[in-house]
Each structure stands twice: as structure tokens, then as C-alpha cells.
Amino acid sequence: MLRYVINEAIPINPLHHKGFSSIGCAPCTRPIKSYEKERDGRWWWENELEPKECGLHAK
């Protein structure tokens, strides 16, 4: 996949180099640990008992 990105001159978000494998809005995105799955950094707070910080995902 990286070869395709390079060959097609697709820009890479600088956050990817800081551990953000899946990037969304600021409150819903965090860098992941080396043992976490790629999408574990998105909507990491998604627990019905916790308040939502992002207006896009509020009920």
C-alpha cells in the first residue's frame, strides 16, 4: 500500500508519523499504542456511560 501512496503522490497526513493511524475530528482521535488495532484510536471514548466530547457524535 505504501508503494501505491508513493507512486500516486498521495499526501500523507503528518499525524500518521505521530502514531495516529486513523484520523478523524480532534476529540474523537488519539494516537494508538504499538499493540492496539489500527482503528482503536478513533472514538476511543465510545462508552455509553461516558459523556461525548464531540458534537458530531452526540445523541
PDB file of N, CA and C in Angstrom:
ATOM      1  N   MET A   1       0.823  -1.187   0.000  1.00  0.00           N
ATOM      2  CA  MET A   1       0.000   0.000   0.000  1.00  0.00           C
ATOM      3  C   MET A   1       0.870   1.254   0.000  1.00  0.00           C
ATOM      4  N   LEU A   2       1.943   1.250   0.749  1.00  0.00           N
ATOM      5  CA  LEU A   2       2.822   2.418   0.770  1.00  0.00           C
ATOM      6  C   LEU A   2       3.384   2.689  -0.616  1.00  0.00           C
ATOM      7  N   ARG A   3       3.682   1.642  -1.347  1.00  0.00           N
ATOM      8  CA  ARG A   3       4.179   1.811  -2.716  1.00  0.00           C
ATOM      9  C   ARG A   3       3.154   2.563  -3.567  1.00  0.00           C
ATOM     10  N   TYR A   4       1.883   2.217  -3.419  1.00  0.00           N
ATOM     11  CA  TYR A   4       0.817   2.893  -4.162  1.00  0.00           C
ATOM     12  C   TYR A   4       0.757   4.368  -3.775  1.00  0.00           C
ATOM     13  N   VAL A   5       0.832   4.641  -2.481  1.00  0.00           N
ATOM     14  CA  VAL A   5       0.797   6.025  -1.997  1.00  0.00           C
ATOM     15  C   VAL A   5       1.944   6.829  -2.604  1.00  0.00           C
ATOM     16  N   ILE A   6       3.118   6.254  -2.637  1.00  0.00           N
ATOM     17  CA  ILE A   6       4.288   6.939  -3.197  1.00  0.00           C
ATOM     18  C   ILE A   6       4.142   7.104  -4.706  1.00  0.00           C
ATOM     19  N   ASN A   7       3.773   6.038  -5.396  1.00  0.00           N
ATOM     20  CA  ASN A   7       3.643   6.090  -6.856  1.00  0.00           C
ATOM     21  C   ASN A   7       2.578   7.081  -7.318  1.00  0.00           C
ATOM     22  N   GLU A   8       1.519   7.203  -6.553  1.00  0.00           N
ATOM     23  CA  GLU A   8       0.422   8.107  -6.927  1.00  0.00           C
ATOM     24  C   GLU A   8       0.557   9.493  -6.304  1.00  0.00           C
ATOM     25  N   ALA A   9       1.642   9.729  -5.586  1.00  0.00           N
ATOM     26  CA  ALA A   9       1.929  11.021  -4.937  1.00  0.00           C
ATOM     27  C   ALA A   9       0.771  11.459  -4.024  1.00  0.00           C
ATOM     28  N   ILE A  10       0.248  10.508  -3.263  1.00  0.00           N
ATOM     29  CA  ILE A  10      -0.834  10.801  -2.325  1.00  0.00           C
ATOM     30  C   ILE A  10      -0.221  11.412  -1.071  1.00  0.00           C
ATOM     31  N   PRO A  11      -0.710  12.577  -0.648  1.00  0.00           N
ATOM     32  CA  PRO A  11      -0.134  13.206   0.544  1.00  0.00           C
ATOM     33  C   PRO A  11      -0.429  12.383   1.799  1.00  0.00           C
ATOM     34  N   ILE A  12       0.525  12.370   2.700  1.00  0.00           N
ATOM     35  CA  ILE A  12       0.386  11.654   3.967  1.00  0.00           C
ATOM     36  C   ILE A  12       0.226  12.684   5.072  1.00  0.00           C
ATOM     37  N   ASN A  13      -0.813  12.528   5.881  1.00  0.00           N
ATOM     38  CA  ASN A  13      -1.050  13.441   6.986  1.00  0.00           C
ATOM     39  C   ASN A  13       0.096  13.303   7.990  1.00  0.00           C
ATOM     40  N   PRO A  14       0.697  14.407   8.431  1.00  0.00           N
ATOM     41  CA  PRO A  14       1.809  14.346   9.387  1.00  0.00           C
ATOM     42  C   PRO A  14       1.451  13.621  10.694  1.00  0.00           C
ATOM     43  N   LEU A  15       0.169  13.574  11.043  1.00  0.00           N
ATOM     44  CA  LEU A  15      -0.230  12.879  12.269  1.00  0.00           C
ATOM     45  C   LEU A  15       0.035  11.380  12.190  1.00  0.00           C
ATOM     46  N   HIS A  16       0.063  10.810  10.983  1.00  0.00           N
ATOM     47  CA  HIS A  16       0.351   9.381  10.850  1.00  0.00           C
ATOM     48  C   HIS A  16       1.737   9.052  11.406  1.00  0.00           C
ATOM     49  N   HIS A  17       2.664   9.975  11.275  1.00  0.00           N
ATOM     50  CA  HIS A  17       4.023   9.752  11.783  1.00  0.00           C
ATOM     51  C   HIS A  17       4.108   9.915  13.299  1.00  0.00           C
ATOM     52  N   LYS A  18       3.009  10.400  13.913  1.00  0.00           N
ATOM     53  CA  LYS A  18       2.966  10.585  15.366  1.00  0.00           C
ATOM     54  C   LYS A  18       2.101   9.531  16.051  1.00  0.00           C
ATOM     55  N   GLY A  19       1.761   8.463  15.324  1.00  0.00           N
ATOM     56  CA  GLY A  19       1.006   7.371  15.928  1.00  0.00           C
ATOM     57  C   GLY A  19      -0.483   7.390  15.690  1.00  0.00           C
ATOM     58  N   PHE A  20      -0.966   8.361  14.917  1.00  0.00           N
ATOM     59  CA  PHE A  20      -2.389   8.424  14.591  1.00  0.00           C
ATOM     60  C   PHE A  20      -2.614   7.620  13.315  1.00  0.00           C
ATOM     61  N   SER A  21      -3.127   6.393  13.460  1.00  0.00           N
ATOM     62  CA  SER A  21      -3.308   5.555  12.273  1.00  0.00           C
ATOM     63  C   SER A  21      -4.637   5.815  11.575  1.00  0.00           C
ATOM     64  N   SER A  22      -5.624   6.305  12.304  1.00  0.00           N
ATOM     65  CA  SER A  22      -6.940   6.595  11.747  1.00  0.00           C
ATOM     66  C   SER A  22      -7.325   7.976  12.255  1.00  0.00           C
ATOM     67  N   ILE A  23      -7.487   8.926  11.366  1.00  0.00           N
ATOM     68  CA  ILE A  23      -7.656  10.320  11.768  1.00  0.00           C
ATOM     69  C   ILE A  23      -9.079  10.791  11.521  1.00  0.00           C
ATOM     70  N   GLY A  24      -9.655  11.375  12.556  1.00  0.00           N
ATOM     71  CA  GLY A  24     -10.987  11.963  12.474  1.00  0.00           C
ATOM     72  C   GLY A  24     -10.931  13.340  13.118  1.00  0.00           C
ATOM     73  N   CYS A  25     -12.036  13.757  13.713  1.00  0.00           N
ATOM     74  CA  CYS A  25     -12.036  15.055  14.384  1.00  0.00           C
ATOM     75  C   CYS A  25     -11.190  14.970  15.663  1.00  0.00           C
ATOM     76  N   ALA A  26     -10.744  16.105  16.152  1.00  0.00           N
ATOM     77  CA  ALA A  26      -9.798  16.154  17.267  1.00  0.00           C
ATOM     78  C   ALA A  26     -10.255  15.412  18.524  1.00  0.00           C
ATOM     79  N   PRO A  27     -11.477  15.627  19.033  1.00  0.00           N
ATOM     80  CA  PRO A  27     -11.842  14.933  20.265  1.00  0.00           C
ATOM     81  C   PRO A  27     -12.002  13.420  20.101  1.00  0.00           C
ATOM     82  N   CYS A  28     -12.241  12.975  18.872  1.00  0.00           N
ATOM     83  CA  CYS A  28     -12.524  11.549  18.641  1.00  0.00           C
ATOM     84  C   CYS A  28     -11.291  10.759  18.228  1.00  0.00           C
ATOM     85  N   THR A  29     -10.142  11.395  18.153  1.00  0.00           N
ATOM     86  CA  THR A  29      -8.953  10.748  17.621  1.00  0.00           C
ATOM     87  C   THR A  29      -7.798  10.833  18.617  1.00  0.00           C
ATOM     88  N   ARG A  30      -7.092   9.734  18.771  1.00  0.00           N
ATOM     89  CA  ARG A  30      -5.889   9.731  19.611  1.00  0.00           C
ATOM     90  C   ARG A  30      -4.874   8.792  18.971  1.00  0.00           C
ATOM     91  N   PRO A  31      -3.589   8.961  19.278  1.00  0.00           N
ATOM     92  CA  PRO A  31      -2.591   8.020  18.751  1.00  0.00           C
ATOM     93  C   PRO A  31      -2.799   6.647  19.387  1.00  0.00           C
ATOM     94  N   ILE A  32      -2.397   5.614  18.685  1.00  0.00           N
ATOM     95  CA  ILE A  32      -2.544   4.259  19.213  1.00  0.00           C
ATOM     96  C   ILE A  32      -1.213   3.738  19.730  1.00  0.00           C
ATOM     97  N   LYS A  33      -1.309   2.760  20.607  1.00  0.00           N
ATOM     98  CA  LYS A  33      -0.121   2.073  21.122  1.00  0.00           C
ATOM     99  C   LYS A  33       0.294   0.998  20.126  1.00  0.00           C
ATOM    100  N   SER A  34       1.506   0.512  20.206  1.00  0.00           N
ATOM    101  CA  SER A  34       2.011  -0.474  19.250  1.00  0.00           C
ATOM    102  C   SER A  34       1.209  -1.774  19.258  1.00  0.00           C
ATOM    103  N   TYR A  35       0.571  -2.104  20.355  1.00  0.00           N
ATOM    104  CA  TYR A  35      -0.187  -3.353  20.459  1.00  0.00           C
ATOM    105  C   TYR A  35      -1.672  -3.188  20.103  1.00  0.00           C
ATOM    106  N   GLU A  36      -2.113  -1.953  19.833  1.00  0.00           N
ATOM    107  CA  GLU A  36      -3.519  -1.720  19.538  1.00  0.00           C
ATOM    108  C   GLU A  36      -3.826  -1.905  18.048  1.00  0.00           C
ATOM    109  N   LYS A  37      -5.098  -2.140  17.757  1.00  0.00           N
ATOM    110  CA  LYS A  37      -5.542  -2.263  16.375  1.00  0.00           C
ATOM    111  C   LYS A  37      -5.571  -0.887  15.723  1.00  0.00           C
ATOM    112  N   GLU A  38      -5.520  -0.858  14.407  1.00  0.00           N
ATOM    113  CA  GLU A  38      -5.432   0.391  13.656  1.00  0.00           C
ATOM    114  C   GLU A  38      -6.546   1.378  14.000  1.00  0.00           C
ATOM    115  N   ARG A  39      -7.770   0.935  14.191  1.00  0.00           N
ATOM    116  CA  ARG A  39      -8.891   1.842  14.435  1.00  0.00           C
ATOM    117  C   ARG A  39      -9.170   2.086  15.923  1.00  0.00           C
ATOM    118  N   ASP A  40      -8.319   1.583  16.814  1.00  0.00           N
ATOM    119  CA  ASP A  40      -8.536   1.797  18.245  1.00  0.00           C
ATOM    120  C   ASP A  40      -8.373   3.254  18.655  1.00  0.00           C
ATOM    121  N   GLY A  41      -7.767   4.066  17.840  1.00  0.00           N
ATOM    122  CA  GLY A  41      -7.598   5.474  18.159  1.00  0.00           C
ATOM    123  C   GLY A  41      -8.790   6.332  17.783  1.00  0.00           C
ATOM    124  N   ARG A  42      -9.792   5.751  17.116  1.00  0.00           N
ATOM    125  CA  ARG A  42     -10.983   6.521  16.734  1.00  0.00           C
ATOM    126  C   ARG A  42     -12.109   6.213  17.694  1.00  0.00           C
ATOM    127  N   TRP A  43     -12.807   7.237  18.104  1.00  0.00           N
ATOM    128  CA  TRP A  43     -13.949   7.108  19.004  1.00  0.00           C
ATOM    129  C   TRP A  43     -13.576   6.279  20.233  1.00  0.00           C
ATOM    130  N   TRP A  44     -12.370   6.511  20.745  1.00  0.00           N
ATOM    131  CA  TRP A  44     -11.832   5.760  21.871  1.00  0.00           C
ATOM    132  C   TRP A  44     -12.677   5.912  23.126  1.00  0.00           C
ATOM    133  N   TRP A  45     -13.463   6.963  23.226  1.00  0.00           N
ATOM    134  CA  TRP A  45     -14.287   7.219  24.400  1.00  0.00           C
ATOM    135  C   TRP A  45     -15.666   6.607  24.245  1.00  0.00           C
ATOM    136  N   GLU A  46     -15.901   5.888  23.173  1.00  0.00           N
ATOM    137  CA  GLU A  46     -17.253   5.431  22.866  1.00  0.00           C
ATOM    138  C   GLU A  46     -17.747   4.408  23.888  1.00  0.00           C
ATOM    139  N   ASN A  47     -18.244   4.932  24.966  1.00  0.00           N
ATOM    140  CA  ASN A  47     -18.816   4.158  26.055  1.00  0.00           C
ATOM    141  C   ASN A  47     -20.071   4.910  26.459  1.00  0.00           C
ATOM    142  N   GLU A  48     -21.185   4.240  26.483  1.00  0.00           N
ATOM    143  CA  GLU A  48     -22.459   4.907  26.768  1.00  0.00           C
ATOM    144  C   GLU A  48     -22.488   5.604  28.123  1.00  0.00           C
ATOM    145  N   LEU A  49     -21.640   5.180  29.053  1.00  0.00           N
ATOM    146  CA  LEU A  49     -21.638   5.778  30.381  1.00  0.00           C
ATOM    147  C   LEU A  49     -20.812   7.050  30.463  1.00  0.00           C
ATOM    148  N   GLU A  50     -19.979   7.312  29.466  1.00  0.00           N
ATOM    149  CA  GLU A  50     -19.128   8.495  29.472  1.00  0.00           C
ATOM    150  C   GLU A  50     -19.740   9.586  28.596  1.00  0.00           C
ATOM    151  N   PRO A  51     -19.551  10.865  28.980  1.00  0.00           N
ATOM    152  CA  PRO A  51     -20.081  11.941  28.140  1.00  0.00           C
ATOM    153  C   PRO A  51     -19.318  12.022  26.824  1.00  0.00           C
ATOM    154  N   LYS A  52     -19.994  12.413  25.776  1.00  0.00           N
ATOM    155  CA  LYS A  52     -19.373  12.576  24.457  1.00  0.00           C
ATOM    156  C   LYS A  52     -18.802  13.989  24.354  1.00  0.00           C
ATOM    157  N   GLU A  53     -17.587  14.121  23.855  1.00  0.00           N
ATOM    158  CA  GLU A  53     -16.969  15.425  23.718  1.00  0.00           C
ATOM    159  C   GLU A  53     -17.253  16.048  22.351  1.00  0.00           C
ATOM    160  N   CYS A  54     -17.529  15.216  21.379  1.00  0.00           N
ATOM    161  CA  CYS A  54     -17.670  15.677  20.016  1.00  0.00           C
ATOM    162  C   CYS A  54     -19.143  15.883  19.673  1.00  0.00           C
ATOM    163  N   GLY A  55     -19.502  17.069  19.239  1.00  0.00           N
ATOM    164  CA  GLY A  55     -20.876  17.356  18.870  1.00  0.00           C
ATOM    165  C   GLY A  55     -21.371  16.534  17.699  1.00  0.00           C
ATOM    166  N   LEU A  56     -20.463  16.047  16.874  1.00  0.00           N
ATOM    167  CA  LEU A  56     -20.856  15.246  15.723  1.00  0.00           C
ATOM    168  C   LEU A  56     -21.398  13.881  16.140  1.00  0.00           C
ATOM    169  N   HIS A  57     -20.969  13.387  17.290  1.00  0.00           N
ATOM    170  CA  HIS A  57     -21.327  12.032  17.696  1.00  0.00           C
ATOM    171  C   HIS A  57     -22.248  12.012  18.912  1.00  0.00           C
ATOM    172  N   ALA A  58     -22.729  13.164  19.317  1.00  0.00           N
ATOM    173  CA  ALA A  58     -23.645  13.221  20.450  1.00  0.00           C
ATOM    174  C   ALA A  58     -25.027  12.736  20.011  1.00  0.00           C
ATOM    175  N   LYS A  59     -25.746  12.156  20.932  1.00  0.00           N
ATOM    176  CA  LYS A  59     -27.100  11.669  20.600  1.00  0.00           C
ATOM    177  C   LYS A  59     -28.066  12.824  20.553  1.00  0.00           C
TER     178      LYS A  59
END
